[in-house]
Amino acid sequence: MVETKKDFFEIRWHGRGGQGAKSAAQVVAEVALDSGKYSQAFPEYGAERSGAPMKAFNRISDSSITIHSSVESPDIVVVIDETLLGLPDITAGLDENTGILLVNTNKGLDFVAKKTGFKGKICVVPATTIALEEIKRGIPNTVMLGALAKLTDYLPLESIIENFKKAFAKKLAPEVLEGNIRAIRRGYEEVTCNG
């Protein structure tokens, strides 16, 4: 059987090394698995160094996934670093009729539309600002997870929070864990979209 695009829900993450795109994609995959779906999460690096542009990908499906290539026609593109918006591959393959462009920025919807030329649904959330307020570090991935939960039925907010707790309870100090959970909730509450 040849798999087709409609067999999957796909997310492409754009960020820089150290911003947590790979970890966020992994949480998405775990949430999907916990809900009985099949899922994939994998990164793609250029220069493997902190701050270098990188991509991560998710595929979610009701049936087994045998394709292992990069996501080229995403349903949602998540941009963790607004300085990447000028790159041509940010919106590549994103359908302007059905796709969603989710961006971490304080600058608003018009800024993103002008910078990318994308005419479809755009959503923004001030993820770095929220991360600095809640976890005292400018790592916006957990905020983006909350925003993503608001935009898709595949990722219920409480499932993301529970999975995050399970994955990081032993790795993070209790106050940092709680700060991340507040950050996830704020991402869900503070994301805004054009339509």
N, C-alpha and C. Protein backbone atom coordinates (compact mmCIF):
# COMPACT_ATOMS: atom_id res chain seq x y z
N MET A 1 0.84 -1.18 0.00
CA MET A 1 0.00 0.00 0.00
C MET A 1 0.89 1.25 0.00
N VAL A 2 0.60 2.20 -0.85
CA VAL A 2 1.33 3.45 -0.90
C VAL A 2 0.61 4.46 -0.01
N GLU A 3 1.34 5.04 0.91
CA GLU A 3 0.75 6.04 1.80
C GLU A 3 0.61 7.36 1.06
N THR A 4 -0.47 8.05 1.33
CA THR A 4 -0.69 9.36 0.73
C THR A 4 -0.75 10.41 1.81
N LYS A 5 -0.67 11.66 1.41
CA LYS A 5 -0.66 12.78 2.33
C LYS A 5 -1.85 12.73 3.29
N LYS A 6 -3.02 12.37 2.81
CA LYS A 6 -4.21 12.41 3.65
C LYS A 6 -4.20 11.34 4.74
N ASP A 7 -3.23 10.43 4.69
CA ASP A 7 -3.10 9.41 5.73
C ASP A 7 -2.48 9.96 7.01
N PHE A 8 -1.90 11.16 6.96
CA PHE A 8 -1.14 11.71 8.07
C PHE A 8 -1.60 13.10 8.46
N PHE A 9 -1.32 13.45 9.71
CA PHE A 9 -1.32 14.84 10.15
C PHE A 9 0.13 15.16 10.39
N GLU A 10 0.66 16.20 9.74
CA GLU A 10 2.09 16.47 9.78
C GLU A 10 2.41 17.87 10.30
N ILE A 11 3.47 17.93 11.08
CA ILE A 11 3.95 19.20 11.64
C ILE A 11 5.43 19.33 11.28
N ARG A 12 5.80 20.53 10.84
CA ARG A 12 7.22 20.83 10.61
C ARG A 12 7.61 21.96 11.55
N TRP A 13 8.65 21.75 12.31
CA TRP A 13 9.17 22.73 13.26
C TRP A 13 10.40 23.40 12.67
N HIS A 14 10.49 24.72 12.81
CA HIS A 14 11.69 25.46 12.42
C HIS A 14 12.20 26.20 13.66
N GLY A 15 13.45 26.00 13.97
CA GLY A 15 14.03 26.68 15.12
C GLY A 15 15.53 26.73 14.97
N ARG A 16 16.18 27.02 16.07
CA ARG A 16 17.64 27.00 16.13
C ARG A 16 18.05 26.00 17.19
N GLY A 17 19.21 25.41 16.99
CA GLY A 17 19.71 24.45 17.96
C GLY A 17 19.69 25.02 19.37
N GLY A 18 19.14 24.30 20.31
CA GLY A 18 19.07 24.74 21.70
C GLY A 18 17.76 25.38 22.10
N GLN A 19 16.84 25.59 21.15
CA GLN A 19 15.55 26.20 21.47
C GLN A 19 14.47 25.17 21.81
N GLY A 20 14.77 23.90 21.66
CA GLY A 20 13.84 22.87 22.09
C GLY A 20 12.88 22.33 21.05
N ALA A 21 13.12 22.58 19.77
CA ALA A 21 12.22 22.05 18.74
C ALA A 21 12.21 20.53 18.74
N LYS A 22 13.38 19.93 18.87
CA LYS A 22 13.48 18.47 18.88
C LYS A 22 12.72 17.89 20.08
N SER A 23 12.90 18.48 21.25
CA SER A 23 12.21 18.01 22.46
C SER A 23 10.70 18.19 22.33
N ALA A 24 10.27 19.32 21.79
CA ALA A 24 8.83 19.57 21.62
C ALA A 24 8.22 18.55 20.66
N ALA A 25 8.93 18.27 19.57
CA ALA A 25 8.43 17.27 18.61
C ALA A 25 8.31 15.90 19.28
N GLN A 26 9.24 15.59 20.15
CA GLN A 26 9.19 14.31 20.87
C GLN A 26 7.97 14.25 21.80
N VAL A 27 7.67 15.35 22.49
CA VAL A 27 6.48 15.39 23.35
C VAL A 27 5.22 15.19 22.52
N VAL A 28 5.15 15.84 21.36
CA VAL A 28 4.00 15.66 20.47
C VAL A 28 3.83 14.19 20.09
N ALA A 29 4.92 13.54 19.75
CA ALA A 29 4.86 12.12 19.37
C ALA A 29 4.38 11.26 20.53
N GLU A 30 4.86 11.53 21.72
CA GLU A 30 4.45 10.76 22.90
C GLU A 30 2.97 10.96 23.22
N VAL A 31 2.50 12.20 23.09
CA VAL A 31 1.08 12.47 23.33
C VAL A 31 0.22 11.70 22.33
N ALA A 32 0.63 11.71 21.08
CA ALA A 32 -0.11 10.97 20.05
C ALA A 32 -0.12 9.47 20.35
N LEU A 33 1.03 8.93 20.72
CA LEU A 33 1.12 7.50 21.06
C LEU A 33 0.21 7.17 22.24
N ASP A 34 0.23 8.03 23.26
CA ASP A 34 -0.61 7.80 24.45
C ASP A 34 -2.10 7.82 24.12
N SER A 35 -2.46 8.52 23.04
CA SER A 35 -3.88 8.58 22.66
C SER A 35 -4.26 7.49 21.66
N GLY A 36 -3.35 6.54 21.43
CA GLY A 36 -3.66 5.42 20.56
C GLY A 36 -3.34 5.63 19.10
N LYS A 37 -2.65 6.72 18.79
CA LYS A 37 -2.26 7.00 17.40
C LYS A 37 -0.85 6.47 17.15
N TYR A 38 -0.49 6.38 15.89
CA TYR A 38 0.88 6.11 15.50
C TYR A 38 1.55 7.47 15.30
N SER A 39 2.83 7.56 15.60
CA SER A 39 3.48 8.86 15.44
C SER A 39 4.97 8.72 15.21
N GLN A 40 5.54 9.78 14.67
CA GLN A 40 6.97 9.90 14.44
C GLN A 40 7.41 11.28 14.91
N ALA A 41 8.64 11.36 15.38
CA ALA A 41 9.29 12.63 15.67
C ALA A 41 10.76 12.46 15.32
N PHE A 42 11.29 13.38 14.52
CA PHE A 42 12.70 13.28 14.16
C PHE A 42 13.22 14.65 13.74
N PRO A 43 14.50 14.92 14.03
CA PRO A 43 15.10 16.20 13.67
C PRO A 43 15.87 16.12 12.36
N GLU A 44 16.17 17.31 11.83
CA GLU A 44 17.06 17.44 10.68
C GLU A 44 17.97 18.63 10.97
N TYR A 45 19.24 18.36 11.05
CA TYR A 45 20.20 19.41 11.39
C TYR A 45 21.04 19.76 10.18
N GLY A 46 21.46 21.02 10.14
CA GLY A 46 22.50 21.44 9.21
C GLY A 46 23.79 21.32 10.02
N ALA A 47 24.38 22.45 10.33
CA ALA A 47 25.55 22.46 11.21
C ALA A 47 25.05 22.16 12.62
N GLU A 48 25.61 21.13 13.23
CA GLU A 48 25.14 20.74 14.57
C GLU A 48 25.83 21.58 15.63
N ARG A 49 25.25 22.76 15.85
CA ARG A 49 25.77 23.62 16.91
C ARG A 49 24.61 24.45 17.45
N SER A 50 24.78 24.90 18.66
CA SER A 50 23.75 25.73 19.27
C SER A 50 23.57 26.99 18.44
N GLY A 51 22.34 27.33 18.15
CA GLY A 51 22.03 28.53 17.39
C GLY A 51 21.90 28.32 15.89
N ALA A 52 22.31 27.17 15.38
CA ALA A 52 22.21 26.90 13.94
C ALA A 52 20.76 26.56 13.58
N PRO A 53 20.27 27.01 12.42
CA PRO A 53 18.91 26.63 12.00
C PRO A 53 18.75 25.12 11.92
N MET A 54 17.62 24.64 12.37
CA MET A 54 17.32 23.21 12.30
C MET A 54 15.82 23.02 12.13
N LYS A 55 15.46 21.80 11.75
CA LYS A 55 14.05 21.45 11.59
C LYS A 55 13.78 20.19 12.40
N ALA A 56 12.55 20.05 12.82
CA ALA A 56 12.09 18.80 13.41
C ALA A 56 10.73 18.50 12.78
N PHE A 57 10.34 17.25 12.82
CA PHE A 57 9.12 16.83 12.13
C PHE A 57 8.29 15.90 12.99
N ASN A 58 6.98 15.96 12.77
CA ASN A 58 6.04 15.00 13.36
C ASN A 58 5.11 14.48 12.29
N ARG A 59 4.80 13.20 12.40
CA ARG A 59 3.72 12.59 11.64
C ARG A 59 2.83 11.88 12.64
N ILE A 60 1.52 12.04 12.49
CA ILE A 60 0.54 11.37 13.34
C ILE A 60 -0.47 10.71 12.43
N SER A 61 -0.82 9.46 12.76
CA SER A 61 -1.74 8.71 11.90
C SER A 61 -2.54 7.72 12.73
N ASP A 62 -3.67 7.31 12.17
CA ASP A 62 -4.48 6.25 12.79
C ASP A 62 -3.95 4.87 12.45
N SER A 63 -3.06 4.79 11.47
CA SER A 63 -2.50 3.50 11.07
C SER A 63 -0.97 3.58 11.04
N SER A 64 -0.34 2.46 10.93
CA SER A 64 1.11 2.37 10.95
C SER A 64 1.74 3.29 9.90
N ILE A 65 2.84 3.91 10.27
CA ILE A 65 3.55 4.84 9.38
C ILE A 65 4.82 4.17 8.89
N THR A 66 4.95 4.03 7.58
CA THR A 66 6.15 3.40 7.03
C THR A 66 7.03 4.37 6.27
N ILE A 67 6.55 5.57 6.02
CA ILE A 67 7.34 6.58 5.33
C ILE A 67 8.29 7.24 6.34
N HIS A 68 9.51 7.52 5.92
CA HIS A 68 10.49 8.08 6.85
C HIS A 68 11.23 9.29 6.27
N SER A 69 10.60 9.99 5.36
CA SER A 69 11.23 11.18 4.77
C SER A 69 10.82 12.43 5.54
N SER A 70 11.48 13.53 5.24
CA SER A 70 11.13 14.82 5.84
C SER A 70 9.70 15.19 5.47
N VAL A 71 9.09 16.03 6.28
CA VAL A 71 7.73 16.50 6.02
C VAL A 71 7.80 17.63 5.00
N GLU A 72 7.18 17.43 3.85
CA GLU A 72 7.22 18.43 2.79
C GLU A 72 5.90 19.15 2.57
N SER A 73 4.80 18.58 3.06
CA SER A 73 3.47 19.21 2.94
C SER A 73 2.80 19.24 4.31
N PRO A 74 3.34 20.06 5.23
CA PRO A 74 2.84 20.06 6.60
C PRO A 74 1.42 20.63 6.71
N ASP A 75 0.72 20.18 7.73
CA ASP A 75 -0.56 20.77 8.09
C ASP A 75 -0.34 22.01 8.94
N ILE A 76 0.69 21.96 9.76
CA ILE A 76 1.08 23.09 10.61
C ILE A 76 2.59 23.25 10.53
N VAL A 77 3.02 24.51 10.39
CA VAL A 77 4.43 24.85 10.51
C VAL A 77 4.58 25.66 11.79
N VAL A 78 5.50 25.23 12.66
CA VAL A 78 5.77 25.92 13.92
C VAL A 78 7.14 26.57 13.79
N VAL A 79 7.18 27.90 13.95
CA VAL A 79 8.43 28.64 13.86
C VAL A 79 8.77 29.15 15.27
N ILE A 80 9.82 28.58 15.83
CA ILE A 80 10.20 28.91 17.20
C ILE A 80 11.03 30.20 17.26
N ASP A 81 11.68 30.56 16.16
CA ASP A 81 12.55 31.74 16.13
C ASP A 81 12.14 32.63 14.96
N GLU A 82 11.59 33.79 15.26
CA GLU A 82 11.09 34.68 14.20
C GLU A 82 12.16 35.15 13.24
N THR A 83 13.44 35.09 13.62
CA THR A 83 14.50 35.52 12.70
C THR A 83 14.62 34.58 11.51
N LEU A 84 13.97 33.42 11.57
CA LEU A 84 13.99 32.48 10.44
C LEU A 84 12.89 32.78 9.41
N LEU A 85 12.01 33.72 9.70
CA LEU A 85 10.86 33.97 8.83
C LEU A 85 11.22 34.36 7.41
N GLY A 86 12.36 34.94 7.18
CA GLY A 86 12.74 35.33 5.84
C GLY A 86 13.22 34.19 4.96
N LEU A 87 13.45 33.02 5.56
CA LEU A 87 13.93 31.89 4.77
C LEU A 87 12.80 31.32 3.90
N PRO A 88 13.09 31.01 2.64
CA PRO A 88 12.04 30.56 1.74
C PRO A 88 11.41 29.22 2.11
N ASP A 89 12.14 28.37 2.83
CA ASP A 89 11.58 27.05 3.12
C ASP A 89 10.61 27.05 4.30
N ILE A 90 10.44 28.17 4.98
CA ILE A 90 9.54 28.21 6.14
C ILE A 90 8.11 27.81 5.75
N THR A 91 7.59 28.39 4.70
CA THR A 91 6.20 28.09 4.31
C THR A 91 6.12 27.11 3.14
N ALA A 92 7.24 26.56 2.72
CA ALA A 92 7.24 25.62 1.59
C ALA A 92 6.31 24.44 1.88
N GLY A 93 5.41 24.17 0.95
CA GLY A 93 4.50 23.04 1.07
C GLY A 93 3.31 23.26 1.97
N LEU A 94 3.21 24.42 2.62
CA LEU A 94 2.10 24.72 3.52
C LEU A 94 0.93 25.28 2.72
N ASP A 95 -0.17 24.56 2.70
CA ASP A 95 -1.35 24.93 1.93
C ASP A 95 -2.01 26.17 2.53
N GLU A 96 -2.18 27.21 1.72
CA GLU A 96 -2.78 28.45 2.22
C GLU A 96 -4.27 28.31 2.52
N ASN A 97 -4.90 27.26 2.05
CA ASN A 97 -6.33 27.05 2.32
C ASN A 97 -6.58 26.25 3.58
N THR A 98 -5.66 25.35 3.90
CA THR A 98 -5.90 24.46 5.04
C THR A 98 -4.79 24.48 6.09
N GLY A 99 -3.62 24.97 5.75
CA GLY A 99 -2.48 24.94 6.66
C GLY A 99 -2.49 26.07 7.66
N ILE A 100 -1.68 25.90 8.71
CA ILE A 100 -1.54 26.91 9.76
C ILE A 100 -0.06 27.21 9.96
N LEU A 101 0.27 28.50 10.03
CA LEU A 101 1.61 28.95 10.33
C LEU A 101 1.59 29.52 11.75
N LEU A 102 2.28 28.87 12.68
CA LEU A 102 2.33 29.27 14.08
C LEU A 102 3.73 29.82 14.37
N VAL A 103 3.79 31.08 14.84
CA VAL A 103 5.08 31.74 15.01
C VAL A 103 5.23 32.32 16.42
N ASN A 104 6.41 32.14 16.98
CA ASN A 104 6.80 32.77 18.23
C ASN A 104 7.26 34.18 17.91
N THR A 105 6.45 35.18 18.26
CA THR A 105 6.83 36.57 18.04
C THR A 105 5.98 37.48 18.91
N ASN A 106 6.54 38.63 19.23
CA ASN A 106 5.79 39.70 19.91
C ASN A 106 5.24 40.70 18.90
N LYS A 107 5.57 40.51 17.62
CA LYS A 107 5.30 41.54 16.62
C LYS A 107 3.93 41.48 15.97
N GLY A 108 3.22 40.42 16.07
CA GLY A 108 1.87 40.39 15.55
C GLY A 108 1.70 39.73 14.19
N LEU A 109 0.43 39.57 13.84
CA LEU A 109 0.03 38.84 12.63
C LEU A 109 0.48 39.53 11.35
N ASP A 110 0.35 40.86 11.28
CA ASP A 110 0.73 41.58 10.07
C ASP A 110 2.22 41.45 9.77
N PHE A 111 3.04 41.48 10.81
CA PHE A 111 4.48 41.32 10.65
C PHE A 111 4.79 39.97 10.00
N VAL A 112 4.16 38.91 10.51
CA VAL A 112 4.41 37.56 9.98
C VAL A 112 3.94 37.45 8.53
N ALA A 113 2.74 37.99 8.25
CA ALA A 113 2.21 37.93 6.89
C ALA A 113 3.13 38.66 5.91
N LYS A 114 3.61 39.83 6.30
CA LYS A 114 4.49 40.61 5.42
C LYS A 114 5.84 39.91 5.24
N LYS A 115 6.38 39.37 6.31
CA LYS A 115 7.70 38.74 6.27
C LYS A 115 7.70 37.45 5.45
N THR A 116 6.60 36.71 5.50
CA THR A 116 6.55 35.40 4.83
C THR A 116 5.79 35.41 3.52
N GLY A 117 4.87 36.36 3.35
CA GLY A 117 4.02 36.36 2.17
C GLY A 117 2.93 35.30 2.25
N PHE A 118 2.80 34.64 3.38
CA PHE A 118 1.80 33.58 3.55
C PHE A 118 0.42 34.21 3.70
N LYS A 119 -0.54 33.72 2.91
CA LYS A 119 -1.88 34.30 2.89
C LYS A 119 -2.93 33.45 3.61
N GLY A 120 -2.48 32.36 4.21
CA GLY A 120 -3.40 31.49 4.93
C GLY A 120 -3.52 31.87 6.40
N LYS A 121 -3.90 30.90 7.21
CA LYS A 121 -4.10 31.12 8.64
C LYS A 121 -2.75 31.26 9.34
N ILE A 122 -2.59 32.40 10.01
CA ILE A 122 -1.38 32.69 10.77
C ILE A 122 -1.77 32.84 12.23
N CYS A 123 -0.97 32.24 13.11
CA CYS A 123 -1.17 32.36 14.55
C CYS A 123 0.15 32.78 15.18
N VAL A 124 0.07 33.64 16.19
CA VAL A 124 1.27 34.12 16.87
C VAL A 124 1.09 33.97 18.38
N VAL A 125 2.22 33.80 19.05
CA VAL A 125 2.24 33.74 20.51
C VAL A 125 3.60 34.29 20.96
N PRO A 126 3.64 35.13 21.99
CA PRO A 126 4.92 35.67 22.47
C PRO A 126 5.64 34.64 23.35
N ALA A 127 6.06 33.56 22.76
CA ALA A 127 6.55 32.40 23.51
C ALA A 127 7.84 32.68 24.29
N THR A 128 8.77 33.41 23.71
CA THR A 128 10.01 33.68 24.43
C THR A 128 9.74 34.56 25.65
N THR A 129 8.89 35.55 25.49
CA THR A 129 8.52 36.41 26.61
C THR A 129 7.87 35.60 27.73
N ILE A 130 6.94 34.73 27.36
CA ILE A 130 6.27 33.88 28.35
C ILE A 130 7.28 32.97 29.03
N ALA A 131 8.19 32.37 28.26
CA ALA A 131 9.20 31.47 28.83
C ALA A 131 10.09 32.22 29.82
N LEU A 132 10.49 33.43 29.48
CA LEU A 132 11.32 34.22 30.39
C LEU A 132 10.56 34.53 31.68
N GLU A 133 9.28 34.82 31.57
CA GLU A 133 8.48 35.13 32.76
C GLU A 133 8.23 33.90 33.62
N GLU A 134 7.98 32.75 32.99
CA GLU A 134 7.58 31.57 33.75
C GLU A 134 8.72 30.63 34.15
N ILE A 135 9.72 30.48 33.28
CA ILE A 135 10.81 29.55 33.62
C ILE A 135 12.16 30.26 33.73
N LYS A 136 12.15 31.57 33.51
CA LYS A 136 13.36 32.40 33.65
C LYS A 136 14.45 32.05 32.65
N ARG A 137 14.05 31.40 31.55
CA ARG A 137 14.97 31.08 30.46
C ARG A 137 14.24 31.30 29.15
N GLY A 138 14.96 31.76 28.14
CA GLY A 138 14.36 32.05 26.84
C GLY A 138 14.23 30.84 25.94
N ILE A 139 13.75 29.73 26.50
CA ILE A 139 13.54 28.52 25.70
C ILE A 139 12.03 28.36 25.51
N PRO A 140 11.52 28.69 24.32
CA PRO A 140 10.08 28.82 24.11
C PRO A 140 9.33 27.56 23.72
N ASN A 141 9.97 26.40 23.71
CA ASN A 141 9.31 25.22 23.17
C ASN A 141 8.05 24.80 23.93
N THR A 142 8.05 24.93 25.26
CA THR A 142 6.86 24.49 26.00
C THR A 142 5.67 25.41 25.72
N VAL A 143 5.95 26.69 25.56
CA VAL A 143 4.88 27.63 25.22
C VAL A 143 4.28 27.26 23.87
N MET A 144 5.14 26.91 22.92
CA MET A 144 4.68 26.53 21.59
C MET A 144 3.82 25.27 21.63
N LEU A 145 4.14 24.35 22.55
CA LEU A 145 3.32 23.14 22.71
C LEU A 145 1.90 23.52 23.13
N GLY A 146 1.79 24.46 24.06
CA GLY A 146 0.46 24.91 24.48
C GLY A 146 -0.32 25.55 23.34
N ALA A 147 0.36 26.40 22.57
CA ALA A 147 -0.29 27.03 21.43
C ALA A 147 -0.73 25.99 20.41
N LEU A 148 0.12 25.01 20.17
CA LEU A 148 -0.19 23.94 19.23
C LEU A 148 -1.43 23.15 19.69
N ALA A 149 -1.54 22.93 20.98
CA ALA A 149 -2.72 22.22 21.52
C ALA A 149 -4.01 22.97 21.19
N LYS A 150 -3.96 24.28 21.20
CA LYS A 150 -5.14 25.09 20.89
C LYS A 150 -5.56 24.96 19.43
N LEU A 151 -4.59 24.63 18.55
CA LEU A 151 -4.83 24.65 17.11
C LEU A 151 -5.18 23.30 16.50
N THR A 152 -5.08 22.22 17.27
CA THR A 152 -5.38 20.91 16.71
C THR A 152 -6.04 20.01 17.74
N ASP A 153 -6.94 19.18 17.27
CA ASP A 153 -7.59 18.20 18.14
C ASP A 153 -6.68 17.01 18.44
N TYR A 154 -5.58 16.89 17.73
CA TYR A 154 -4.67 15.76 17.93
C TYR A 154 -3.91 15.83 19.24
N LEU A 155 -3.84 17.01 19.83
CA LEU A 155 -2.98 17.23 21.00
C LEU A 155 -3.74 17.92 22.13
N PRO A 156 -4.52 17.19 22.91
CA PRO A 156 -5.25 17.82 24.01
C PRO A 156 -4.29 18.45 25.03
N LEU A 157 -4.63 19.61 25.51
CA LEU A 157 -3.78 20.35 26.45
C LEU A 157 -3.39 19.52 27.66
N GLU A 158 -4.37 18.88 28.29
CA GLU A 158 -4.05 18.11 29.51
C GLU A 158 -3.15 16.92 29.20
N SER A 159 -3.27 16.35 28.02
CA SER A 159 -2.38 15.25 27.62
C SER A 159 -0.95 15.74 27.45
N ILE A 160 -0.79 16.93 26.89
CA ILE A 160 0.55 17.50 26.74
C ILE A 160 1.15 17.74 28.12
N ILE A 161 0.38 18.31 29.03
CA ILE A 161 0.88 18.60 30.37
C ILE A 161 1.27 17.31 31.09
N GLU A 162 0.41 16.30 31.03
CA GLU A 162 0.71 15.03 31.71
C GLU A 162 1.96 14.37 31.12
N ASN A 163 2.06 14.40 29.79
CA ASN A 163 3.23 13.80 29.16
C ASN A 163 4.50 14.57 29.52
N PHE A 164 4.40 15.89 29.55
CA PHE A 164 5.56 16.71 29.92
C PHE A 164 6.01 16.37 31.34
N LYS A 165 5.05 16.27 32.24
CA LYS A 165 5.38 15.91 33.63
C LYS A 165 6.09 14.55 33.69
N LYS A 166 5.53 13.59 32.98
CA LYS A 166 6.09 12.24 32.98
C LYS A 166 7.52 12.23 32.42
N ALA A 167 7.74 12.99 31.36
CA ALA A 167 9.04 13.00 30.70
C ALA A 167 10.11 13.78 31.47
N PHE A 168 9.69 14.83 32.20
CA PHE A 168 10.68 15.74 32.78
C PHE A 168 10.66 15.85 34.29
N ALA A 169 9.79 15.13 34.97
CA ALA A 169 9.70 15.22 36.43
C ALA A 169 11.03 14.91 37.12
N LYS A 170 11.78 13.97 36.59
CA LYS A 170 13.05 13.59 37.22
C LYS A 170 14.24 14.40 36.69
N LYS A 171 14.02 15.14 35.61
CA LYS A 171 15.11 15.89 35.00
C LYS A 171 15.13 17.35 35.43
N LEU A 172 13.98 17.88 35.85
CA LEU A 172 13.87 19.30 36.18
C LEU A 172 13.56 19.48 37.66
N ALA A 173 14.06 20.57 38.23
CA ALA A 173 13.71 20.92 39.60
C ALA A 173 12.20 21.19 39.65
N PRO A 174 11.54 20.93 40.78
CA PRO A 174 10.08 21.11 40.86
C PRO A 174 9.60 22.49 40.43
N GLU A 175 10.32 23.55 40.80
CA GLU A 175 9.86 24.90 40.42
C GLU A 175 10.01 25.13 38.91
N VAL A 176 11.02 24.52 38.30
CA VAL A 176 11.20 24.64 36.84
C VAL A 176 10.11 23.84 36.12
N LEU A 177 9.79 22.66 36.63
CA LEU A 177 8.72 21.86 36.05
C LEU A 177 7.39 22.62 36.10
N GLU A 178 7.08 23.19 37.25
CA GLU A 178 5.83 23.96 37.40
C GLU A 178 5.83 25.20 36.50
N GLY A 179 6.98 25.85 36.36
CA GLY A 179 7.08 27.00 35.46
C GLY A 179 6.79 26.61 34.02
N ASN A 180 7.30 25.45 33.60
CA ASN A 180 7.03 24.96 32.25
C ASN A 180 5.56 24.64 32.05
N ILE A 181 4.92 24.09 33.07
CA ILE A 181 3.48 23.78 32.96
C ILE A 181 2.67 25.07 32.85
N ARG A 182 3.05 26.09 33.63
CA ARG A 182 2.39 27.39 33.48
C ARG A 182 2.62 27.95 32.08
N ALA A 183 3.83 27.76 31.55
CA ALA A 183 4.17 28.25 30.21
C ALA A 183 3.33 27.54 29.14
N ILE A 184 3.13 26.24 29.29
CA ILE A 184 2.28 25.50 28.35
C ILE A 184 0.86 26.07 28.38
N ARG A 185 0.33 26.26 29.58
CA ARG A 185 -1.04 26.80 29.71
C ARG A 185 -1.16 28.20 29.12
N ARG A 186 -0.16 29.02 29.34
CA ARG A 186 -0.20 30.39 28.79
C ARG A 186 -0.11 30.37 27.26
N GLY A 187 0.67 29.45 26.70
CA GLY A 187 0.72 29.34 25.25
C GLY A 187 -0.66 29.02 24.69
N TYR A 188 -1.36 28.13 25.35
CA TYR A 188 -2.72 27.76 24.95
C TYR A 188 -3.66 28.96 25.03
N GLU A 189 -3.54 29.72 26.10
CA GLU A 189 -4.45 30.84 26.33
C GLU A 189 -4.11 32.08 25.51
N GLU A 190 -2.83 32.30 25.20
CA GLU A 190 -2.41 33.56 24.62
C GLU A 190 -2.13 33.54 23.12
N VAL A 191 -2.28 32.39 22.48
CA VAL A 191 -2.09 32.34 21.03
C VAL A 191 -3.24 33.08 20.35
N THR A 192 -2.93 33.88 19.34
CA THR A 192 -3.96 34.60 18.57
C THR A 192 -3.78 34.29 17.08
N CYS A 193 -4.91 34.26 16.37
CA CYS A 193 -4.89 33.91 14.95
C CYS A 193 -5.70 34.90 14.12
N ASN A 194 -5.42 34.93 12.85
CA ASN A 194 -6.17 35.77 11.91
C ASN A 194 -7.32 34.97 11.32
N GLY A 195 -8.38 34.89 12.00
CA GLY A 195 -9.55 34.16 11.46
C GLY A 195 -9.74 32.79 11.97
